Amino acid sequence: MPENDANTALAALRDWWQRVTDGETVSGPELDAVISRGRPALAADSDGEAHRLLAIALHERWNRDRTGFDDAGRAIALWRHVLDRTPEDPVAAYLCGTLVTFLAERTRDRADIARAVHLADIATRTLDNDAAWHLSGRAHLVRAFSGGQQDGLAVALDRFAEALRRDPGDQLRCEIAREQLRAAFIRYGRAELGRDEFRGYVDLGHAVLGSPGDAAPGDQALLAGTLAMVEIGTAEPEGRAHDFTRVRALLARYRDVELPDPHLRAELDAAQAALDQIAGTPGDLDRGVGILARLTENDRYPESNRADIADMLTLARGGRALQEGDLAAFENVLTAFQDSSDPALRALATVFTARREALRLAEEGDELEAAAVLHAAGEALPTGNPATDLLRGILSGAVTGDPAGTPITAAARVYALARAVYTAAVDDDTAALRRLAAEVGGLLGHIPDDYAMLKIPAYQTAGSAERELARRDPSCGATARAAAHYAAACALAGGPHHALWPRLAVAHGQSLRLGDRPDRARSRELGRSALVALTWQALIQADTGRALESAAAAARHVRTVAAWCAEDAAADELVAVLDAGRGLALHAATASRSMPERLIAAGHPDLATAWRDTDGLGDSPDDNLRVRAMHALTADSDVLATPDPAGIRQSLTAVGADALVYLVAADDDRPGLAVIVPATGPVHVLPLPDLAAGRAVGGWIESGRDLVPEDDDDQDSFDDVCRWAWTACMGPLTAFTGRWRLDRPARLVLIPTGALTLVPWHAARYDDDTGRHHAIERLVVSYSVSARMFRDTAGMPLRSPESALIVGDPRGDLRYAAEEARDVHRDFHPGGTLLHTATRDDVLDWIAKPGRGPSLLHLACHGHVDQDRPAEASLALADGDLPVLELLARARSAGLDLDRVVLSACSTGAVGSLHDEAVSLASAFLAGGAHTVFGSLWPVPDAGTARLMYDMHHHLSVGGHAPVDALRLAQLAVLGELDEDDDDHGWAAFVHLGR
């Protein structure tokens, strides 16, 4: 290289260095130019000056932006060239040692670590100043953290102490305070450092933050994060509550500070995630999951540390899933726990599984069985591990010792007492309840509200003890204490978005109805909020199956709150309550389809786009998009609201119906009810004392075996059930409609609840002097899953089909079904498509085909439903079954543009054991967007069904009758031809839903 070029390059480096030593700030582009121009100087560098200056320039550029390590690596290579010539060069040793220590901290390479320690030792010998001793401490700290030095932490602390004795400036003092605290924290955890000595390091850290001087904000932030982690990590072992106020203040103070090294943001984030996991609100938990997910992939941490972070992430996911009630996310967490190598996490999987089953049993009212499940899970846990031993004690109710030691031990003791409270209530042991209420109440003070996941269940137990005591001794002040405990639990939960809200709100409402000054209005308000929470829970589930699982708790809460409304004569509220617990999974499917439009209306187009792009599932397993979307909607969004009587009246008028009627079965304490919402006039509650669901009837219909009046052993036939239906309900209801003095049969939309959904109310029978009669002769009866679904279909236009798909006998074993399809096609819809070997894709593709105009789908085939698994109901097509859940999955993303659906098959309207969810093939089509659906409640005969369906189509197409009237006329024709002793009841199986 020409000498002039090398001299010019060296001159550029010297000029830059002079400007720096004069205190001038050199811009980034200028520094880039200096480095580029200075490189040629290396070729003719006889005394090492060019290597020094270029190494310093590269060091400076790396220091400005530490996202990569290329400049640092080049600077290290230059410094090594210098040190090869002058091994004891103090400046080269210090600056090179600084870079190698940073590199070793990333790579954990033993050679890099050894080189860092060696260079730091040279610096301490040759410089012997605060910076050199600090570097030595850092190098030994890195080696200790990498497992390469037995006493490395102690050595590091000694080196840092030497640095402090030389009275460093504010900046270096801040760095030293943080790094010695990291070393002391590890030694304290290993019992290698006394508490007083350790607290000295902590106090110094806080003192530095209190007077940081000119320490860089980024280094202050890292010290704050380390202090936060120390507080989080030491409180429980030290037997005290966390100082969350101080931790939050530390993290909030430096949350948005720019850090000297982007990789170091992970440390501050880790402290925030740990805080969120222990004392987080729902929003905090969401943030914590995101932080930990990023940390598991951060190369600042070695693989072993990332594995620990992954366990933290799983715990955070579990906490969030429990708090939000996301069942799919919870299942993923359980799987991760069960697959973990950590016995404590595997034990936690056992506990979570048992707790979920116990909650289900408790929701069904079987508290004893719930306690037995928890006890059995505790007995199954392994021994010899402190964490599993504590879990076993909690589950078995055997936590003893000093409960005031820490919030966790206090909460464990409260959890153990919960079972004792229930046992004392069952035994009617007032003295035990008084003692337990006092003990649990005393423990509450040892669990700060910051520990929300511990404090909420503790408040529940305390409230339960006081509530049971108040029922037995109203004068002891327990009523007010119970209400206060439940109010505090509700305040911590924050609202209906919390998975425990339904139980908390209903329990709070129950406590407010006790004593001599009950607050009935507030209790009903709380009860209705519990039902909003149930709707919320159904809507956040990823699929209909999960929504059904989530909705399992609804029936019990609805019965409780509905009883309050009936007792208080709050008829309008009673309507809202009854509807709130109906068809939640079906509503979730319908609402999912229109959620983007709701989000846009609420001002969240970004969420709407994400929903459309992912069908509401989010773009990753950790993306709780559905929860975020629900939070984004306004509190009065129609997705959470139920139609009020005024809205129901509008829908009734739109379809020409006279009333919507809820049928509510009696229980041990209350009579049955017909809650009547007429098209005009106020809501009326008609008591029906004989409307009771009871033990199984012998096989009159498969789907009806769960319903029978309990006091009559002889009602084991279809006629017996129909006679009971008239006496218990339809007779009084028909008499009531007579007051309207109509010149035609009253038109009713029935919404049976509970097991009453299994009864063919339109076939209710009575006998008089003129013979046998049925309710269908005096009433026009349609059915609906809920007023919400009725409202949705009532707003649709009533249109005559212009296109049709008619399927007949796709399996080839229903002779009359094939003839039915052929005749319906030939006589009423000759322009439609007739398929005798229709496949699943044939049906689904036809449904999805745009531009069909008003349409009809007629399926004459087999239908299957399992009483215990009604969500698995399906239609039998040529190449397999088309199940309910697949139809609902389609409904979640795109509506089914169908005007009429005729399900001429067995049990297509049967809801099985999921009574109030009302999930059936018929309701699935309705939820999917169909306007009108006909389905059957039980297996039907091939020949009789073919004739009934033909007649119904005749009344629809030729007579121009509304769908409900067409079905009724066809059924009346069958009735008119039956003999008195004819037991054919296939006609009664078919019902009308929708428009």
Foldseek 3Di string as FASTA:
>chain_A
DDPVLLVQLVVLLVVVVVCVVVPHDDDPVSLVVNLVSNVSNVVVDPQLPSLVSSLVSLLVNCLQAVPDCVSLVSSLVSLVVVCVVVVLPQVSLLVSLVSLLVVCLLPVDPVSLVSSLVSLVSNCVPVVALSSLLSNLSSLLSCVVSVNDPCSLVSSLVSLVSSVVRPDDLQSLLQSLQSNLVSLLVCVVVVNDDPVVNVVSLVSLVVCLVPSDPHALQSNLSSLLSSLVSQLPVQVVQLHEGPVVSNVVSLVVNVPPDHSYVLSVLSSLVSQLSLCLQQNALVSLLSSLVSLVVVLPRSSDDPVVSVVSVVSNLSSLCVNCQFQVAVVSNVVSLVVLCPDPDLLSVLVSLQVVLQVVLVLCVLVVNNVVSLVSLQVSLVPRDDDDVNSVLSSCLSNLNLDDDCLRALVSLLSNLSSCLSVLVVCLVVVPLVSLVVSLVSLVVSLVSHDCSRLVSNLVSLVSNLSSLQSNCVVPVPPCSLVSSLVSLVVSCVSSPFLSTLCLLVSLQSNLSSQCTHPRRDLVSSLVSLLRSLLSLLLSLQLYPFLVSSLVSLSSLPSSLVSSLVSCVVVVVLQSNQFSLQSSFQSSLLSLLCLQCLLVQLVVLPHNVLSVQCQVVLQCGDDSSDSSSSVSVVSGDPPDPSSGADTLVLLLVLCVLVVAFWEWEWAPDDPPAFTWIFIRGNDDDIDIDGQRQRHFQAAAPPQFPLLRRGDRPPDNPQRHLLSLLQSLCNRPVVVVLVVVVVVVDPAAHEYEYAYFASVLLRLSQQRWDADPVGIDGNLVRHLYAYERHSRLQSVLSPDDQDDFPEEEFEFQLQVDQVLSNVLSVCCCVPFNVVYHYHDNDDPCNVVVVQPDPDRPAYEYEYAAEWDADLVCRQQIFGQHNVGTDGLRVLSSLLSHAARRYAEYEHLYFQQQADHNSGSSSRGNQSSNSSRHYAKYKDFRGGADRNVSSQLVVQLSCCVRVVVDDNSVSLSVSLVVVVVPDDSPDSHDRSSGMHMYHD
